[in-house]
Amino acid sequence: MPNTLRNRSGNAVLWVALLTMVALAMPSQASPSVGPVDGQHDFDWEIGTWKTELRRLAKPLSGSNEWVEYTGTSVIRKVLDGRENLVELRMKGPAGQIEGVSLRLYNPQTNQWSLNFASARNGVMTQPVYGGFRNGRGEFFGQDSLDGRAIFVRFVISKVTDASWRFEQAYSDDGGRTWETNWIAVDTRVKGDE
């Protein structure tokens, strides 16, 4: 099979798998007569300042099991009259510092969020992940590249306690059959910032 055709077939399989994951991440419907749940306020609980503790896999999808740790803050602000929000992340650790922003945009036509991250290191937005919350758990999926190869990205947000939440990112380079977690952050609300 020629390389071009093989690449097109591989990309088509990746896109079908991605679309399936995004469809599964869509907010559930209350009932057919009521229509889809409006997820516009899914992140309202997070507005404010949080202490962030992060573990990050140093070399994702390389077979390495070396994790690096950071601590810092996440500040989440409402934008566009609360319809969207902006996350400002600042962390330091033995491996250096991470600074960046995440712009979260809600699409009322699809009832889905897109999460868009940019590192201050290069000022470039990564490919967005799309999804929403179901039963208090957020699941978001997207496609990106790592070291020149196509990968899927899964981002999961789950409640730990009323004052802390877990954010977990994983990559797949086999069309979503297996996932490798590479980013685990736990945010704890700063006291007095409720």
Protein backbone atom coordinates (compact mmCIF):
# COMPACT_ATOMS: atom_id res chain seq x y z
CA MET A 1 0.00 0.00 0.00
CA PRO A 2 1.50 3.40 -0.89
CA ASN A 3 2.53 5.56 2.09
CA THR A 4 0.02 8.31 1.20
CA LEU A 5 -2.87 5.89 1.19
CA ARG A 6 -1.65 4.21 4.38
CA ASN A 7 -1.36 7.63 6.10
CA ARG A 8 -4.87 8.61 4.94
CA SER A 9 -6.29 5.30 6.23
CA GLY A 10 -4.49 5.74 9.56
CA ASN A 11 -5.72 9.32 9.91
CA ALA A 12 -9.28 8.26 9.08
CA VAL A 13 -9.16 5.60 11.82
CA LEU A 14 -7.79 8.18 14.28
CA TRP A 15 -10.56 10.66 13.40
CA VAL A 16 -13.31 8.04 13.77
CA ALA A 17 -11.93 7.03 17.18
CA LEU A 18 -11.65 10.70 18.23
CA LEU A 19 -15.20 11.52 17.16
CA THR A 20 -16.47 8.49 19.07
CA MET A 21 -14.65 9.61 22.22
CA VAL A 22 -15.96 13.18 21.92
CA ALA A 23 -19.52 11.91 21.42
CA LEU A 24 -19.20 9.77 24.55
CA ALA A 25 -17.94 12.79 26.50
CA MET A 26 -20.97 14.92 25.58
CA PRO A 27 -23.25 15.84 28.46
CA SER A 28 -26.12 13.44 28.93
CA GLN A 29 -29.67 14.44 28.13
CA ALA A 30 -32.25 14.64 30.90
CA SER A 31 -34.95 13.25 28.61
CA PRO A 32 -35.73 13.52 24.90
CA SER A 33 -38.54 16.01 25.57
CA VAL A 34 -36.44 18.29 27.78
CA GLY A 35 -33.40 18.43 25.49
CA PRO A 36 -29.71 18.61 26.29
CA VAL A 37 -28.46 19.85 29.64
CA ASP A 38 -26.97 23.36 29.49
CA GLY A 39 -23.39 22.94 30.67
CA GLN A 40 -22.54 26.64 30.53
CA HIS A 41 -22.02 26.74 34.31
CA ASP A 42 -20.04 23.50 34.62
CA PHE A 43 -16.91 25.34 35.80
CA ASP A 44 -18.58 27.89 38.11
CA TRP A 45 -17.36 25.90 41.15
CA GLU A 46 -13.77 26.60 40.15
CA ILE A 47 -13.77 30.40 40.00
CA GLY A 48 -11.15 31.64 42.49
CA THR A 49 -7.64 30.78 43.65
CA TRP A 50 -6.31 27.26 44.15
CA LYS A 51 -3.09 25.70 45.44
CA THR A 52 -1.90 23.33 42.71
CA GLU A 53 0.26 20.25 43.27
CA LEU A 54 1.36 18.62 40.02
CA ARG A 55 3.12 15.42 39.01
CA ARG A 56 4.17 15.34 35.35
CA LEU A 57 5.71 12.47 33.37
CA ALA A 58 9.06 13.81 32.14
CA LYS A 59 9.00 11.99 28.76
CA PRO A 60 5.49 10.86 27.75
CA LEU A 61 5.07 7.82 25.49
CA SER A 62 8.78 6.98 25.70
CA GLY A 63 8.64 4.07 28.14
CA SER A 64 10.13 6.26 30.87
CA ASN A 65 8.60 6.26 34.35
CA GLU A 66 10.36 9.44 35.56
CA TRP A 67 7.93 11.88 37.20
CA VAL A 68 8.69 15.48 38.15
CA GLU A 69 6.78 17.50 40.74
CA TYR A 70 5.69 21.13 40.94
CA THR A 71 3.68 23.32 43.30
CA GLY A 72 2.06 26.67 42.69
CA THR A 73 -1.27 28.33 42.06
CA SER A 74 -4.13 28.30 39.61
CA VAL A 75 -6.29 31.41 39.39
CA ILE A 76 -9.57 31.02 37.53
CA ARG A 77 -11.53 34.08 36.36
CA LYS A 78 -14.84 34.49 34.60
CA VAL A 79 -14.68 36.17 31.20
CA LEU A 80 -17.42 37.29 28.80
CA ASP A 81 -19.95 37.78 31.62
CA GLY A 82 -19.21 34.34 33.04
CA ARG A 83 -19.93 32.40 29.86
CA GLU A 84 -16.26 31.42 29.55
CA ASN A 85 -13.30 31.29 31.93
CA LEU A 86 -9.56 31.78 31.98
CA VAL A 87 -7.10 29.73 34.04
CA GLU A 88 -3.74 31.27 34.92
CA LEU A 89 -1.27 28.59 36.04
CA ARG A 90 2.07 29.27 37.77
CA MET A 91 4.14 26.43 39.24
CA LYS A 92 7.75 25.70 40.21
CA GLY A 93 9.69 22.55 40.96
CA PRO A 94 13.16 21.00 40.75
CA ALA A 95 12.71 20.61 36.97
CA GLY A 96 11.94 24.31 36.48
CA GLN A 97 8.72 26.25 36.17
CA ILE A 98 5.47 25.96 34.27
CA GLU A 99 3.48 29.05 33.41
CA GLY A 100 0.51 29.11 31.10
CA VAL A 101 -3.13 29.91 30.50
CA SER A 102 -6.11 27.79 29.63
CA LEU A 103 -9.03 29.43 27.88
CA ARG A 104 -12.23 27.43 28.32
CA LEU A 105 -14.93 28.19 25.80
CA TYR A 106 -18.51 26.91 25.94
CA ASN A 107 -20.45 26.23 22.73
CA PRO A 108 -24.21 26.40 23.48
CA GLN A 109 -25.06 24.78 20.11
CA THR A 110 -23.14 21.58 20.93
CA ASN A 111 -23.35 21.83 24.75
CA GLN A 112 -19.61 21.20 24.83
CA TRP A 113 -16.56 22.96 26.18
CA SER A 114 -13.25 23.37 24.40
CA LEU A 115 -10.17 23.60 26.62
CA ASN A 116 -7.34 25.54 24.98
CA PHE A 117 -3.90 25.69 26.67
CA ALA A 118 -0.91 27.91 25.92
CA SER A 119 2.45 27.78 27.66
CA ALA A 120 4.21 31.05 28.43
CA ARG A 121 7.36 29.30 27.19
CA ASN A 122 6.30 29.46 23.55
CA GLY A 123 2.99 31.36 23.50
CA VAL A 124 1.35 28.77 21.24
CA MET A 125 -2.08 27.22 21.87
CA THR A 126 -2.16 23.44 21.87
CA GLN A 127 -4.92 21.66 19.96
CA PRO A 128 -8.14 21.94 22.01
CA VAL A 129 -9.81 19.07 23.78
CA TYR A 130 -13.63 18.90 23.66
CA GLY A 131 -16.24 17.50 26.01
CA GLY A 132 -18.24 18.21 29.10
CA PHE A 133 -19.38 17.03 32.50
CA ARG A 134 -21.56 14.05 33.28
CA ASN A 135 -22.48 13.17 36.87
CA GLY A 136 -19.85 15.59 38.23
CA ARG A 137 -16.98 14.20 36.14
CA GLY A 138 -15.52 16.10 33.21
CA GLU A 139 -14.14 14.23 30.19
CA PHE A 140 -12.50 15.95 27.26
CA PHE A 141 -10.82 14.46 24.16
CA GLY A 142 -8.72 15.80 21.33
CA GLN A 143 -5.97 15.10 18.85
CA ASP A 144 -2.46 16.50 18.92
CA SER A 145 1.06 15.46 17.97
CA LEU A 146 4.07 14.48 20.04
CA ASP A 147 7.53 14.29 18.52
CA GLY A 148 6.00 14.27 15.02
CA ARG A 149 3.45 11.48 15.60
CA ALA A 150 -0.31 11.79 15.87
CA ILE A 151 -1.73 11.17 19.34
CA PHE A 152 -5.03 11.41 21.17
CA VAL A 153 -5.35 13.42 24.36
CA ARG A 154 -7.80 12.68 27.18
CA PHE A 155 -8.35 15.14 30.02
CA VAL A 156 -10.42 14.12 33.05
CA ILE A 157 -11.61 16.36 35.90
CA SER A 158 -12.98 14.72 39.04
CA LYS A 159 -13.98 15.86 42.51
CA VAL A 160 -11.84 14.73 45.45
CA THR A 161 -13.59 16.74 48.21
CA ASP A 162 -15.73 19.88 48.28
CA ALA A 163 -12.49 21.90 48.34
CA SER A 164 -10.23 19.85 46.04
CA TRP A 165 -10.34 18.51 42.48
CA ARG A 166 -8.10 16.23 40.40
CA PHE A 167 -7.04 17.03 36.82
CA GLU A 168 -5.55 14.15 34.84
CA GLN A 169 -4.20 14.11 31.30
CA ALA A 170 -3.34 10.99 29.30
CA TYR A 171 -1.99 10.33 25.81
CA SER A 172 -2.67 7.47 23.40
CA ASP A 173 -0.61 6.70 20.31
CA ASP A 174 -2.63 3.61 19.34
CA GLY A 175 -6.00 5.16 18.46
CA GLY A 176 -7.34 5.18 22.04
CA ARG A 177 -6.88 1.48 22.78
CA THR A 178 -4.42 2.24 25.61
CA TRP A 179 -3.71 5.43 27.54
CA GLU A 180 -0.65 6.65 29.42
CA THR A 181 -1.33 9.20 32.16
CA ASN A 182 1.26 11.99 32.03
CA TRP A 183 -0.16 14.85 34.12
CA ILE A 184 -1.85 14.60 37.53
CA ALA A 185 -2.72 17.81 39.34
CA VAL A 186 -4.70 18.25 42.52
CA ASP A 187 -6.11 21.72 43.16
CA THR A 188 -7.10 22.71 46.71
CA ARG A 189 -9.08 25.89 47.21
CA VAL A 190 -7.16 28.63 49.04
CA LYS A 191 -8.93 29.31 52.36
CA GLY A 192 -11.01 32.48 52.32
CA ASP A 193 -11.46 32.34 48.54
CA GLU A 194 -14.87 30.66 48.41
